[in-house]
């Protein structure tokens, strides 16, 4: 019984660690400036419909400081490469 419980806990924990990120939730942090799902209605650039490679390059440039923006530098640097690629895919489909 005790051994089964340990295996169950390990199974649940491992599936939680390797779960796909909730992309709508991850992208929602961009909504404050870039609009819901990247559909900006103001002066900020639209993220919706951007080509993936362009999005990735811009985020890498912000993170490295090659493209200047104090706000975006902090945001871009906080994402992993995998998260940036997932965001690029998400916004391209919007």
PDB file of N, CA and C in Angstrom:
ATOM      1  N   UNK A   1       0.826  -1.197   0.000  1.00  0.00           N
ATOM      2  CA  UNK A   1       0.000   0.000   0.000  1.00  0.00           C
ATOM      3  C   UNK A   1       0.868   1.258   0.000  1.00  0.00           C
ATOM      4  N   UNK A   2       1.851   1.276   0.908  1.00  0.00           N
ATOM      5  CA  UNK A   2       2.719   2.439   1.011  1.00  0.00           C
ATOM      6  C   UNK A   2       3.496   2.645  -0.291  1.00  0.00           C
ATOM      7  N   UNK A   3       3.951   1.551  -0.874  1.00  0.00           N
ATOM      8  CA  UNK A   3       4.717   1.620  -2.127  1.00  0.00           C
ATOM      9  C   UNK A   3       3.837   2.145  -3.269  1.00  0.00           C
ATOM     10  N   UNK A   4       2.586   1.722  -3.317  1.00  0.00           N
ATOM     11  CA  UNK A   4       1.659   2.198  -4.348  1.00  0.00           C
ATOM     12  C   UNK A   4       1.409   3.688  -4.217  1.00  0.00           C
ATOM     13  N   UNK A   5       1.295   4.145  -3.010  1.00  0.00           N
ATOM     14  CA  UNK A   5       1.071   5.565  -2.762  1.00  0.00           C
ATOM     15  C   UNK A   5       2.275   6.393  -3.219  1.00  0.00           C
ATOM     16  N   UNK A   6       3.460   5.908  -2.966  1.00  0.00           N
ATOM     17  CA  UNK A   6       4.678   6.609  -3.405  1.00  0.00           C
ATOM     18  C   UNK A   6       4.723   6.686  -4.917  1.00  0.00           C
ATOM     19  N   UNK A   7       4.405   5.578  -5.602  1.00  0.00           N
ATOM     20  CA  UNK A   7       4.405   5.576  -7.071  1.00  0.00           C
ATOM     21  C   UNK A   7       3.359   6.537  -7.629  1.00  0.00           C
ATOM     22  N   UNK A   8       2.214   6.596  -6.995  1.00  0.00           N
ATOM     23  CA  UNK A   8       1.156   7.497  -7.430  1.00  0.00           C
ATOM     24  C   UNK A   8       1.603   8.955  -7.283  1.00  0.00           C
ATOM     25  N   UNK A   9       2.216   9.277  -6.186  1.00  0.00           N
ATOM     26  CA  UNK A   9       2.714  10.632  -5.959  1.00  0.00           C
ATOM     27  C   UNK A   9       3.773  10.994  -6.988  1.00  0.00           C
ATOM     28  N   UNK A  10       4.690  10.078  -7.255  1.00  0.00           N
ATOM     29  CA  UNK A  10       5.724  10.334  -8.259  1.00  0.00           C
ATOM     30  C   UNK A  10       5.124  10.517  -9.653  1.00  0.00           C
ATOM     31  N   UNK A  11       4.116   9.730  -9.988  1.00  0.00           N
ATOM     32  CA  UNK A  11       3.470   9.838 -11.294  1.00  0.00           C
ATOM     33  C   UNK A  11       2.784  11.189 -11.447  1.00  0.00           C
ATOM     34  N   UNK A  12       2.042  11.606 -10.450  1.00  0.00           N
ATOM     35  CA  UNK A  12       1.345  12.893 -10.498  1.00  0.00           C
ATOM     36  C   UNK A  12       2.350  14.033 -10.547  1.00  0.00           C
ATOM     37  N   UNK A  13       3.380  13.975  -9.735  1.00  0.00           N
ATOM     38  CA  UNK A  13       4.394  15.036  -9.707  1.00  0.00           C
ATOM     39  C   UNK A  13       5.121  15.138 -11.038  1.00  0.00           C
ATOM     40  N   UNK A  14       5.459  14.015 -11.644  1.00  0.00           N
ATOM     41  CA  UNK A  14       6.186  14.062 -12.908  1.00  0.00           C
ATOM     42  C   UNK A  14       5.308  14.595 -14.029  1.00  0.00           C
ATOM     43  N   UNK A  15       4.030  14.293 -14.027  1.00  0.00           N
ATOM     44  CA  UNK A  15       3.153  14.819 -15.070  1.00  0.00           C
ATOM     45  C   UNK A  15       2.942  16.313 -14.884  1.00  0.00           C
ATOM     46  N   UNK A  16       2.969  16.806 -13.663  1.00  0.00           N
ATOM     47  CA  UNK A  16       2.832  18.237 -13.407  1.00  0.00           C
ATOM     48  C   UNK A  16       4.073  18.983 -13.896  1.00  0.00           C
ATOM     49  N   UNK A  17       5.243  18.453 -13.651  1.00  0.00           N
ATOM     50  CA  UNK A  17       6.491  19.097 -14.052  1.00  0.00           C
ATOM     51  C   UNK A  17       6.603  19.176 -15.568  1.00  0.00           C
ATOM     52  N   UNK A  18       6.163  18.145 -16.280  1.00  0.00           N
ATOM     53  CA  UNK A  18       6.324  18.097 -17.724  1.00  0.00           C
ATOM     54  C   UNK A  18       5.069  18.535 -18.486  1.00  0.00           C
ATOM     55  N   UNK A  19       4.105  19.112 -17.798  1.00  0.00           N
ATOM     56  CA  UNK A  19       2.881  19.550 -18.458  1.00  0.00           C
ATOM     57  C   UNK A  19       3.166  20.703 -19.411  1.00  0.00           C
ATOM     58  N   UNK A  20       2.428  20.737 -20.507  1.00  0.00           N
ATOM     59  CA  UNK A  20       2.546  21.839 -21.454  1.00  0.00           C
ATOM     60  C   UNK A  20       2.114  23.136 -20.757  1.00  0.00           C
ATOM     61  N   UNK A  21       2.817  24.207 -21.018  1.00  0.00           N
ATOM     62  CA  UNK A  21       2.410  25.468 -20.396  1.00  0.00           C
ATOM     63  C   UNK A  21       1.081  25.942 -20.982  1.00  0.00           C
ATOM     64  N   UNK A  22       0.310  26.629 -20.195  1.00  0.00           N
ATOM     65  CA  UNK A  22      -0.941  27.210 -20.652  1.00  0.00           C
ATOM     66  C   UNK A  22      -0.585  28.462 -21.439  1.00  0.00           C
ATOM     67  N   UNK A  23      -0.662  28.371 -22.763  1.00  0.00           N
ATOM     68  CA  UNK A  23      -0.190  29.464 -23.607  1.00  0.00           C
ATOM     69  C   UNK A  23      -1.041  30.720 -23.463  1.00  0.00           C
ATOM     70  N   UNK A  24      -2.342  30.580 -23.299  1.00  0.00           N
ATOM     71  CA  UNK A  24      -3.187  31.753 -23.121  1.00  0.00           C
ATOM     72  C   UNK A  24      -2.799  32.485 -21.848  1.00  0.00           C
ATOM     73  N   UNK A  25      -2.472  31.733 -20.818  1.00  0.00           N
ATOM     74  CA  UNK A  25      -2.048  32.340 -19.558  1.00  0.00           C
ATOM     75  C   UNK A  25      -0.679  33.006 -19.715  1.00  0.00           C
ATOM     76  N   UNK A  26       0.252  32.335 -20.380  1.00  0.00           N
ATOM     77  CA  UNK A  26       1.578  32.906 -20.610  1.00  0.00           C
ATOM     78  C   UNK A  26       1.470  34.179 -21.444  1.00  0.00           C
ATOM     79  N   UNK A  27       0.651  34.154 -22.484  1.00  0.00           N
ATOM     80  CA  UNK A  27       0.483  35.309 -23.366  1.00  0.00           C
ATOM     81  C   UNK A  27      -0.278  36.437 -22.698  1.00  0.00           C
ATOM     82  N   UNK A  28      -1.038  36.130 -21.664  1.00  0.00           N
ATOM     83  CA  UNK A  28      -1.833  37.171 -21.006  1.00  0.00           C
ATOM     84  C   UNK A  28      -0.952  38.236 -20.355  1.00  0.00           C
ATOM     85  N   UNK A  29       0.292  37.890 -20.051  1.00  0.00           N
ATOM     86  CA  UNK A  29       1.183  38.901 -19.468  1.00  0.00           C
ATOM     87  C   UNK A  29       1.538  39.982 -20.487  1.00  0.00           C
ATOM     88  N   UNK A  30       1.326  39.708 -21.765  1.00  0.00           N
ATOM     89  CA  UNK A  30       1.596  40.684 -22.828  1.00  0.00           C
ATOM     90  C   UNK A  30       0.389  41.595 -23.077  1.00  0.00           C
ATOM     91  N   UNK A  31      -0.782  41.172 -22.595  1.00  0.00           N
ATOM     92  CA  UNK A  31      -2.037  41.854 -22.921  1.00  0.00           C
ATOM     93  C   UNK A  31      -2.112  43.279 -22.385  1.00  0.00           C
ATOM     94  N   UNK A  32      -1.471  43.555 -21.274  1.00  0.00           N
ATOM     95  CA  UNK A  32      -1.536  44.894 -20.694  1.00  0.00           C
ATOM     96  C   UNK A  32      -1.096  45.981 -21.655  1.00  0.00           C
ATOM     97  N   UNK A  33      -0.108  45.678 -22.469  1.00  0.00           N
ATOM     98  CA  UNK A  33       0.403  46.660 -23.435  1.00  0.00           C
ATOM     99  C   UNK A  33       0.005  46.327 -24.871  1.00  0.00           C
ATOM    100  N   UNK A  34      -0.010  45.043 -25.210  1.00  0.00           N
ATOM    101  CA  UNK A  34      -0.197  44.633 -26.605  1.00  0.00           C
ATOM    102  C   UNK A  34      -1.612  44.140 -26.914  1.00  0.00           C
ATOM    103  N   UNK A  35      -2.514  44.237 -25.950  1.00  0.00           N
ATOM    104  CA  UNK A  35      -3.901  43.840 -26.162  1.00  0.00           C
ATOM    105  C   UNK A  35      -4.132  42.347 -25.995  1.00  0.00           C
ATOM    106  N   UNK A  36      -5.394  42.002 -25.792  1.00  0.00           N
ATOM    107  CA  UNK A  36      -5.773  40.601 -25.627  1.00  0.00           C
ATOM    108  C   UNK A  36      -5.366  39.801 -26.858  1.00  0.00           C
ATOM    109  N   UNK A  37      -4.647  38.721 -26.625  1.00  0.00           N
ATOM    110  CA  UNK A  37      -4.145  37.845 -27.690  1.00  0.00           C
ATOM    111  C   UNK A  37      -3.299  38.593 -28.718  1.00  0.00           C
ATOM    112  N   UNK A  38      -2.702  39.710 -28.290  1.00  0.00           N
ATOM    113  CA  UNK A  38      -1.802  40.446 -29.169  1.00  0.00           C
ATOM    114  C   UNK A  38      -2.480  41.409 -30.113  1.00  0.00           C
ATOM    115  N   UNK A  39      -3.774  41.647 -29.931  1.00  0.00           N
ATOM    116  CA  UNK A  39      -4.533  42.550 -30.800  1.00  0.00           C
ATOM    117  C   UNK A  39      -4.540  43.958 -30.203  1.00  0.00           C
ATOM    118  N   UNK A  40      -3.444  44.659 -30.351  1.00  0.00           N
ATOM    119  CA  UNK A  40      -3.292  46.003 -29.815  1.00  0.00           C
ATOM    120  C   UNK A  40      -4.241  46.975 -30.515  1.00  0.00           C
ATOM    121  N   UNK A  41      -4.831  47.858 -29.726  1.00  0.00           N
ATOM    122  CA  UNK A  41      -5.705  48.872 -30.286  1.00  0.00           C
ATOM    123  C   UNK A  41      -5.099  50.256 -30.115  1.00  0.00           C
ATOM    124  N   UNK A  42      -3.937  50.308 -29.529  1.00  0.00           N
ATOM    125  CA  UNK A  42      -3.301  51.587 -29.277  1.00  0.00           C
ATOM    126  C   UNK A  42      -2.017  51.741 -30.059  1.00  0.00           C
ATOM    127  N   UNK A  43      -1.072  52.409 -29.430  1.00  0.00           N
ATOM    128  CA  UNK A  43       0.213  52.691 -30.083  1.00  0.00           C
ATOM    129  C   UNK A  43       1.172  51.507 -30.064  1.00  0.00           C
ATOM    130  N   UNK A  44       0.947  50.579 -29.173  1.00  0.00           N
ATOM    131  CA  UNK A  44       1.854  49.438 -29.063  1.00  0.00           C
ATOM    132  C   UNK A  44       1.709  48.530 -30.276  1.00  0.00           C
ATOM    133  N   UNK A  45       2.802  47.906 -30.687  1.00  0.00           N
ATOM    134  CA  UNK A  45       2.740  47.005 -31.846  1.00  0.00           C
ATOM    135  C   UNK A  45       1.806  45.825 -31.598  1.00  0.00           C
ATOM    136  N   UNK A  46       1.133  45.389 -32.655  1.00  0.00           N
ATOM    137  CA  UNK A  46       0.321  44.176 -32.588  1.00  0.00           C
ATOM    138  C   UNK A  46       1.263  42.978 -32.597  1.00  0.00           C
ATOM    139  N   UNK A  47       0.975  42.019 -31.772  1.00  0.00           N
ATOM    140  CA  UNK A  47       1.725  40.768 -31.777  1.00  0.00           C
ATOM    141  C   UNK A  47       0.980  39.712 -32.575  1.00  0.00           C
ATOM    142  N   UNK A  48      -0.333  39.859 -32.652  1.00  0.00           N
ATOM    143  CA  UNK A  48      -1.163  38.899 -33.366  1.00  0.00           C
ATOM    144  C   UNK A  48      -0.782  38.872 -34.843  1.00  0.00           C
ATOM    145  N   UNK A  49      -0.546  37.677 -35.336  1.00  0.00           N
ATOM    146  CA  UNK A  49      -0.251  37.498 -36.746  1.00  0.00           C
ATOM    147  C   UNK A  49       1.204  37.695 -37.139  1.00  0.00           C
ATOM    148  N   UNK A  50       2.066  38.018 -36.174  1.00  0.00           N
ATOM    149  CA  UNK A  50       3.487  38.174 -36.509  1.00  0.00           C
ATOM    150  C   UNK A  50       4.089  36.839 -36.928  1.00  0.00           C
ATOM    151  N   UNK A  51       4.998  36.888 -37.871  1.00  0.00           N
ATOM    152  CA  UNK A  51       5.710  35.672 -38.248  1.00  0.00           C
ATOM    153  C   UNK A  51       6.568  35.220 -37.064  1.00  0.00           C
ATOM    154  N   UNK A  52       6.638  33.938 -36.885  1.00  0.00           N
ATOM    155  CA  UNK A  52       7.325  33.376 -35.723  1.00  0.00           C
ATOM    156  C   UNK A  52       8.790  33.788 -35.664  1.00  0.00           C
ATOM    157  N   UNK A  53       9.496  33.689 -36.767  1.00  0.00           N
ATOM    158  CA  UNK A  53      10.929  34.018 -36.767  1.00  0.00           C
ATOM    159  C   UNK A  53      11.161  35.487 -36.405  1.00  0.00           C
ATOM    160  N   UNK A  54      10.295  36.362 -36.885  1.00  0.00           N
ATOM    161  CA  UNK A  54      10.412  37.787 -36.575  1.00  0.00           C
ATOM    162  C   UNK A  54      10.204  38.022 -35.072  1.00  0.00           C
ATOM    163  N   UNK A  55       9.159  37.406 -34.512  1.00  0.00           N
ATOM    164  CA  UNK A  55       8.876  37.534 -33.085  1.00  0.00           C
ATOM    165  C   UNK A  55      10.065  37.054 -32.256  1.00  0.00           C
ATOM    166  N   UNK A  56      10.583  35.892 -32.606  1.00  0.00           N
ATOM    167  CA  UNK A  56      11.718  35.312 -31.871  1.00  0.00           C
ATOM    168  C   UNK A  56      12.927  36.228 -31.936  1.00  0.00           C
ATOM    169  N   UNK A  57      13.233  36.737 -33.119  1.00  0.00           N
ATOM    170  CA  UNK A  57      14.388  37.624 -33.278  1.00  0.00           C
ATOM    171  C   UNK A  57      14.233  38.899 -32.455  1.00  0.00           C
ATOM    172  N   UNK A  58      13.040  39.472 -32.457  1.00  0.00           N
ATOM    173  CA  UNK A  58      12.815  40.696 -31.689  1.00  0.00           C
ATOM    174  C   UNK A  58      12.995  40.438 -30.194  1.00  0.00           C
ATOM    175  N   UNK A  59      12.448  39.325 -29.716  1.00  0.00           N
ATOM    176  CA  UNK A  59      12.578  38.999 -28.289  1.00  0.00           C
ATOM    177  C   UNK A  59      14.038  38.750 -27.921  1.00  0.00           C
ATOM    178  N   UNK A  60      14.779  38.078 -28.784  1.00  0.00           N
ATOM    179  CA  UNK A  60      16.204  37.857 -28.528  1.00  0.00           C
ATOM    180  C   UNK A  60      16.964  39.186 -28.517  1.00  0.00           C
ATOM    181  N   UNK A  61      16.617  40.070 -29.445  1.00  0.00           N
ATOM    182  CA  UNK A  61      17.272  41.386 -29.497  1.00  0.00           C
ATOM    183  C   UNK A  61      16.954  42.221 -28.263  1.00  0.00           C
ATOM    184  N   UNK A  62      15.714  42.158 -27.781  1.00  0.00           N
ATOM    185  CA  UNK A  62      15.367  42.870 -26.548  1.00  0.00           C
ATOM    186  C   UNK A  62      16.162  42.304 -25.372  1.00  0.00           C
ATOM    187  N   UNK A  63      16.203  40.987 -25.264  1.00  0.00           N
ATOM    188  CA  UNK A  63      16.874  40.330 -24.141  1.00  0.00           C
ATOM    189  C   UNK A  63      18.366  40.640 -24.117  1.00  0.00           C
ATOM    190  N   UNK A  64      18.984  40.714 -25.287  1.00  0.00           N
ATOM    191  CA  UNK A  64      20.425  40.975 -25.351  1.00  0.00           C
ATOM    192  C   UNK A  64      20.759  42.455 -25.229  1.00  0.00           C
ATOM    193  N   UNK A  65      19.751  43.311 -25.406  1.00  0.00           N
ATOM    194  CA  UNK A  65      19.996  44.747 -25.379  1.00  0.00           C
ATOM    195  C   UNK A  65      20.309  45.325 -26.747  1.00  0.00           C
ATOM    196  N   UNK A  66      20.356  44.462 -27.778  1.00  0.00           N
ATOM    197  CA  UNK A  66      20.616  44.940 -29.131  1.00  0.00           C
ATOM    198  C   UNK A  66      19.497  45.868 -29.601  1.00  0.00           C
ATOM    199  N   UNK A  67      18.269  45.564 -29.200  1.00  0.00           N
ATOM    200  CA  UNK A  67      17.141  46.458 -29.457  1.00  0.00           C
ATOM    201  C   UNK A  67      16.783  47.090 -28.124  1.00  0.00           C
ATOM    202  N   UNK A  68      16.777  48.405 -28.074  1.00  0.00           N
ATOM    203  CA  UNK A  68      16.597  49.104 -26.808  1.00  0.00           C
ATOM    204  C   UNK A  68      15.135  49.262 -26.419  1.00  0.00           C
ATOM    205  N   UNK A  69      14.857  48.904 -25.204  1.00  0.00           N
ATOM    206  CA  UNK A  69      13.571  49.113 -24.551  1.00  0.00           C
ATOM    207  C   UNK A  69      13.719  48.586 -23.137  1.00  0.00           C
ATOM    208  N   UNK A  70      13.697  49.481 -22.180  1.00  0.00           N
ATOM    209  CA  UNK A  70      13.906  49.038 -20.799  1.00  0.00           C
ATOM    210  C   UNK A  70      12.811  48.081 -20.349  1.00  0.00           C
ATOM    211  N   UNK A  71      11.583  48.341 -20.755  1.00  0.00           N
ATOM    212  CA  UNK A  71      10.478  47.469 -20.356  1.00  0.00           C
ATOM    213  C   UNK A  71      10.601  46.105 -21.023  1.00  0.00           C
ATOM    214  N   UNK A  72      10.765  46.088 -22.346  1.00  0.00           N
ATOM    215  CA  UNK A  72      10.811  44.822 -23.067  1.00  0.00           C
ATOM    216  C   UNK A  72      12.080  44.027 -22.766  1.00  0.00           C
ATOM    217  N   UNK A  73      13.142  44.698 -22.438  1.00  0.00           N
ATOM    218  CA  UNK A  73      14.363  43.960 -22.093  1.00  0.00           C
ATOM    219  C   UNK A  73      14.123  43.075 -20.882  1.00  0.00           C
ATOM    220  N   UNK A  74      13.435  43.626 -19.883  1.00  0.00           N
ATOM    221  CA  UNK A  74      13.148  42.843 -18.675  1.00  0.00           C
ATOM    222  C   UNK A  74      12.170  41.706 -18.970  1.00  0.00           C
ATOM    223  N   UNK A  75      11.153  41.979 -19.764  1.00  0.00           N
ATOM    224  CA  UNK A  75      10.186  40.935 -20.101  1.00  0.00           C
ATOM    225  C   UNK A  75      10.851  39.823 -20.915  1.00  0.00           C
ATOM    226  N   UNK A  76      11.557  40.192 -21.963  1.00  0.00           N
ATOM    227  CA  UNK A  76      12.164  39.195 -22.854  1.00  0.00           C
ATOM    228  C   UNK A  76      13.203  38.346 -22.120  1.00  0.00           C
ATOM    229  N   UNK A  77      13.970  38.979 -21.263  1.00  0.00           N
ATOM    230  CA  UNK A  77      15.016  38.252 -20.542  1.00  0.00           C
ATOM    231  C   UNK A  77      14.436  37.258 -19.538  1.00  0.00           C
ATOM    232  N   UNK A  78      13.193  37.456 -19.138  1.00  0.00           N
ATOM    233  CA  UNK A  78      12.576  36.578 -18.150  1.00  0.00           C
ATOM    234  C   UNK A  78      12.057  35.272 -18.758  1.00  0.00           C
ATOM    235  N   UNK A  79      11.888  35.248 -20.080  1.00  0.00           N
ATOM    236  CA  UNK A  79      11.384  34.040 -20.745  1.00  0.00           C
ATOM    237  C   UNK A  79      12.528  33.120 -21.134  1.00  0.00           C
ATOM    238  N   UNK A  80      12.248  31.826 -21.100  1.00  0.00           N
ATOM    239  CA  UNK A  80      13.207  30.857 -21.617  1.00  0.00           C
ATOM    240  C   UNK A  80      13.103  30.858 -23.142  1.00  0.00           C
ATOM    241  N   UNK A  81      14.080  30.270 -23.804  1.00  0.00           N
ATOM    242  CA  UNK A  81      14.036  30.170 -25.259  1.00  0.00           C
ATOM    243  C   UNK A  81      12.803  29.382 -25.697  1.00  0.00           C
ATOM    244  N   UNK A  82      12.493  28.334 -24.965  1.00  0.00           N
ATOM    245  CA  UNK A  82      11.319  27.517 -25.291  1.00  0.00           C
ATOM    246  C   UNK A  82      10.034  28.336 -25.150  1.00  0.00           C
ATOM    247  N   UNK A  83       9.932  29.140 -24.107  1.00  0.00           N
ATOM    248  CA  UNK A  83       8.741  29.969 -23.919  1.00  0.00           C
ATOM    249  C   UNK A  83       8.609  31.004 -25.034  1.00  0.00           C
ATOM    250  N   UNK A  84       9.721  31.589 -25.451  1.00  0.00           N
ATOM    251  CA  UNK A  84       9.684  32.566 -26.545  1.00  0.00           C
ATOM    252  C   UNK A  84       9.187  31.888 -27.825  1.00  0.00           C
ATOM    253  N   UNK A  85       9.654  30.691 -28.091  1.00  0.00           N
ATOM    254  CA  UNK A  85       9.205  29.962 -29.287  1.00  0.00           C
ATOM    255  C   UNK A  85       7.713  29.620 -29.193  1.00  0.00           C
ATOM    256  N   UNK A  86       7.269  29.226 -28.025  1.00  0.00           N
ATOM    257  CA  UNK A  86       5.851  28.927 -27.841  1.00  0.00           C
ATOM    258  C   UNK A  86       4.999  30.184 -27.989  1.00  0.00           C
ATOM    259  N   UNK A  87       5.481  31.307 -27.458  1.00  0.00           N
ATOM    260  CA  UNK A  87       4.758  32.568 -27.621  1.00  0.00           C
ATOM    261  C   UNK A  87       4.711  32.981 -29.093  1.00  0.00           C
ATOM    262  N   UNK A  88       5.810  32.794 -29.802  1.00  0.00           N
ATOM    263  CA  UNK A  88       5.859  33.122 -31.230  1.00  0.00           C
ATOM    264  C   UNK A  88       4.804  32.317 -31.986  1.00  0.00           C
ATOM    265  N   UNK A  89       4.707  31.038 -31.678  1.00  0.00           N
ATOM    266  CA  UNK A  89       3.729  30.185 -32.335  1.00  0.00           C
ATOM    267  C   UNK A  89       2.300  30.628 -31.974  1.00  0.00           C
ATOM    268  N   UNK A  90       2.083  30.937 -30.704  1.00  0.00           N
ATOM    269  CA  UNK A  90       0.773  31.360 -30.232  1.00  0.00           C
ATOM    270  C   UNK A  90       0.330  32.643 -30.931  1.00  0.00           C
ATOM    271  N   UNK A  91       1.179  33.654 -30.936  1.00  0.00           N
ATOM    272  CA  UNK A  91       0.778  34.937 -31.530  1.00  0.00           C
ATOM    273  C   UNK A  91       0.642  34.844 -33.049  1.00  0.00           C
ATOM    274  N   UNK A  92       1.416  34.001 -33.684  1.00  0.00           N
ATOM    275  CA  UNK A  92       1.298  33.836 -35.140  1.00  0.00           C
ATOM    276  C   UNK A  92      -0.081  33.313 -35.526  1.00  0.00           C
ATOM    277  N   UNK A  93      -0.705  32.563 -34.633  1.00  0.00           N
ATOM    278  CA  UNK A  93      -2.012  31.971 -34.923  1.00  0.00           C
ATOM    279  C   UNK A  93      -3.193  32.877 -34.558  1.00  0.00           C
ATOM    280  N   UNK A  94      -2.915  34.022 -33.979  1.00  0.00           N
ATOM    281  CA  UNK A  94      -3.997  34.908 -33.537  1.00  0.00           C
ATOM    282  C   UNK A  94      -4.522  35.772 -34.663  1.00  0.00           C
TER     283      UNK A  94
END
